[in-house]
Protein backbone atom coordinates (compact mmCIF):
# COMPACT_ATOMS: atom_id res chain seq x y z
CA UNK A 1 19.11 -6.09 -5.72
CA UNK A 2 18.64 -6.48 -9.44
CA UNK A 3 15.96 -3.53 -10.38
CA UNK A 4 13.46 -5.18 -11.41
CA UNK A 5 13.79 -6.75 -7.51
CA UNK A 6 13.52 -3.80 -5.84
CA UNK A 7 10.12 -2.96 -8.98
CA UNK A 8 8.42 -6.30 -7.77
CA UNK A 9 8.74 -5.05 -3.95
CA UNK A 10 6.71 -2.10 -5.34
CA UNK A 11 4.06 -4.07 -6.77
CA UNK A 12 4.19 -5.93 -3.13
CA UNK A 13 2.79 -2.46 -1.63
CA UNK A 14 0.63 -1.25 -4.53
CA UNK A 15 -2.16 -2.75 -2.97
CA UNK A 16 -1.67 -1.63 0.32
CA UNK A 17 -1.29 1.81 -0.55
CA UNK A 18 -4.72 1.60 -2.87
CA UNK A 19 -6.12 -0.12 0.48
CA UNK A 20 -5.55 3.69 2.20
CA UNK A 21 -6.94 5.19 -0.54
CA UNK A 22 -10.24 3.31 0.04
CA UNK A 23 -9.83 4.60 4.17
CA UNK A 24 -9.21 7.83 2.86
CA UNK A 25 -13.17 7.12 1.05
CA UNK A 26 -14.67 4.90 3.77
CA UNK A 27 -13.76 8.26 6.52
CA UNK A 28 -15.03 10.49 3.90
CA UNK A 29 -18.45 8.79 2.43
CA UNK A 30 -18.95 6.73 5.47
CA UNK A 31 -17.76 9.47 8.39
CA UNK A 32 -15.30 6.64 10.15
CA UNK A 33 -13.31 3.48 9.27
CA UNK A 34 -14.48 0.46 10.64
CA UNK A 35 -11.49 -1.80 11.30
CA UNK A 36 -13.95 -4.95 12.50
CA UNK A 37 -15.80 -4.85 9.64
CA UNK A 38 -13.96 -3.10 6.97
CA UNK A 39 -15.46 -5.60 3.98
CA UNK A 40 -18.45 -5.28 4.71
CA UNK A 41 -17.94 -0.89 4.68
CA UNK A 42 -16.23 -1.19 1.50
CA UNK A 43 -19.78 -2.92 0.22
CA UNK A 44 -21.30 0.79 1.16
CA UNK A 45 -18.45 2.54 -0.87
CA UNK A 46 -20.00 4.74 -3.56
CA UNK A 47 -18.89 6.70 -6.80
CA UNK A 48 -14.66 6.73 -6.63
CA UNK A 49 -14.04 4.83 -3.20
CA UNK A 50 -16.20 2.21 -5.32
CA UNK A 51 -13.16 2.24 -7.49
CA UNK A 52 -10.68 2.63 -5.42
CA UNK A 53 -11.76 -0.69 -4.19
CA UNK A 54 -12.11 -2.37 -6.96
CA UNK A 55 -8.24 -1.23 -7.67
CA UNK A 56 -7.67 -2.43 -4.82
CA UNK A 57 -8.42 -6.07 -5.71
CA UNK A 58 -6.92 -5.68 -9.27
CA UNK A 59 -3.62 -5.10 -7.36
CA UNK A 60 -3.46 -7.82 -6.04
CA UNK A 61 -5.42 -9.73 -9.60
CA UNK A 62 -2.43 -8.10 -11.21
CA UNK A 63 0.55 -9.64 -8.67
CA UNK A 64 1.13 -13.08 -9.43
CA UNK A 65 1.51 -12.76 -12.78
CA UNK A 66 4.50 -9.42 -12.46
CA UNK A 67 6.23 -11.58 -9.63
CA UNK A 68 5.88 -15.82 -11.56
CA UNK A 69 7.96 -13.31 -14.54
CA UNK A 70 10.41 -11.65 -12.72
CA UNK A 71 11.33 -15.03 -11.04
CA UNK A 72 11.20 -17.01 -14.38
CA UNK A 73 13.25 -14.29 -16.09
CA UNK A 74 15.07 -14.36 -13.52
CA UNK A 75 16.22 -17.64 -13.32
CA UNK A 76 16.24 -18.22 -16.94
CA UNK A 77 18.84 -15.50 -17.33
CA UNK A 78 17.05 -13.81 -19.29
CA UNK A 79 18.95 -10.49 -19.54
CA UNK A 80 18.59 -7.58 -17.14
CA UNK A 81 18.33 -4.39 -18.25
CA UNK A 82 15.19 -6.31 -20.65
CA UNK A 83 13.84 -7.91 -17.49
CA UNK A 84 14.11 -4.16 -15.46
CA UNK A 85 12.74 -2.31 -18.73
CA UNK A 86 9.76 -4.53 -18.10
CA UNK A 87 9.28 -4.32 -14.56
CA UNK A 88 10.02 -0.35 -14.41
CA UNK A 89 7.10 -0.37 -17.25
CA UNK A 90 5.17 -2.72 -14.94
CA UNK A 91 5.53 -0.55 -11.77
CA UNK A 92 5.04 2.46 -13.74
CA UNK A 93 1.34 1.15 -15.51
CA UNK A 94 -0.38 -0.17 -12.18
CA UNK A 95 0.97 3.77 -9.85
CA UNK A 96 -1.48 4.40 -13.49
CA UNK A 97 -3.88 2.12 -12.35
CA UNK A 98 -5.55 3.33 -9.52
CA UNK A 99 -5.39 6.93 -10.09
CA UNK A 100 -7.30 5.84 -13.68
CA UNK A 101 -9.47 3.50 -12.04
CA UNK A 102 -9.99 5.85 -9.15
CA UNK A 103 -10.73 9.49 -11.36
CA UNK A 104 -13.19 7.33 -13.29
CA UNK A 105 -11.07 7.08 -16.96
CA UNK A 106 -11.98 4.44 -18.24
CA UNK A 107 -9.72 4.20 -21.07
CA UNK A 108 -6.58 5.18 -19.82
CA UNK A 109 -7.02 2.58 -17.37
CA UNK A 110 -7.70 -0.19 -19.88
CA UNK A 111 -4.42 1.10 -21.28
CA UNK A 112 -2.85 1.19 -18.33
CA UNK A 113 -4.23 -2.13 -17.24
CA UNK A 114 -3.17 -3.46 -21.49
CA UNK A 115 0.40 -2.22 -20.84
CA UNK A 116 1.08 -3.37 -17.45
CA UNK A 117 -0.31 -7.14 -18.40
CA UNK A 118 2.44 -6.88 -21.41
CA UNK A 119 4.81 -5.86 -19.79
CA UNK A 120 4.77 -9.30 -17.71
CA UNK A 121 4.18 -11.23 -20.07
CA UNK A 122 7.01 -10.17 -22.26
CA UNK A 123 9.43 -10.86 -19.09
CA UNK A 124 7.72 -14.80 -19.56
CA UNK A 125 8.43 -14.54 -23.36
CA UNK A 126 11.95 -12.63 -22.64
CA UNK A 127 12.85 -15.99 -20.92
CA UNK A 128 11.20 -18.77 -23.58
């Protein structure tokens, strides 16, 4: 399995890991985790907890373009080293994204978003 494919697996797990952070904030702010109505409970979160929920949603939103880019690059025969590098950049940026989001460091959050998006787009450009 290529590094880019391993990065794809990591990218698929990032929203789930971010959901665990949401669970932490649900417990911290609301005193319990309501598994019967988790989405309703998410709406009650404030501050860092609300930002964790937004970071999780964004992780899901970023996943399709990255996954598509990895698969298109592979199908088009992009040099594996180039695809791997773009994928590693994406993963690094997307690991930092929720950290910056939860910490409320908006400029670095935006930068990590742009870097991740650029890495995803670069996979398509390399395949062209």
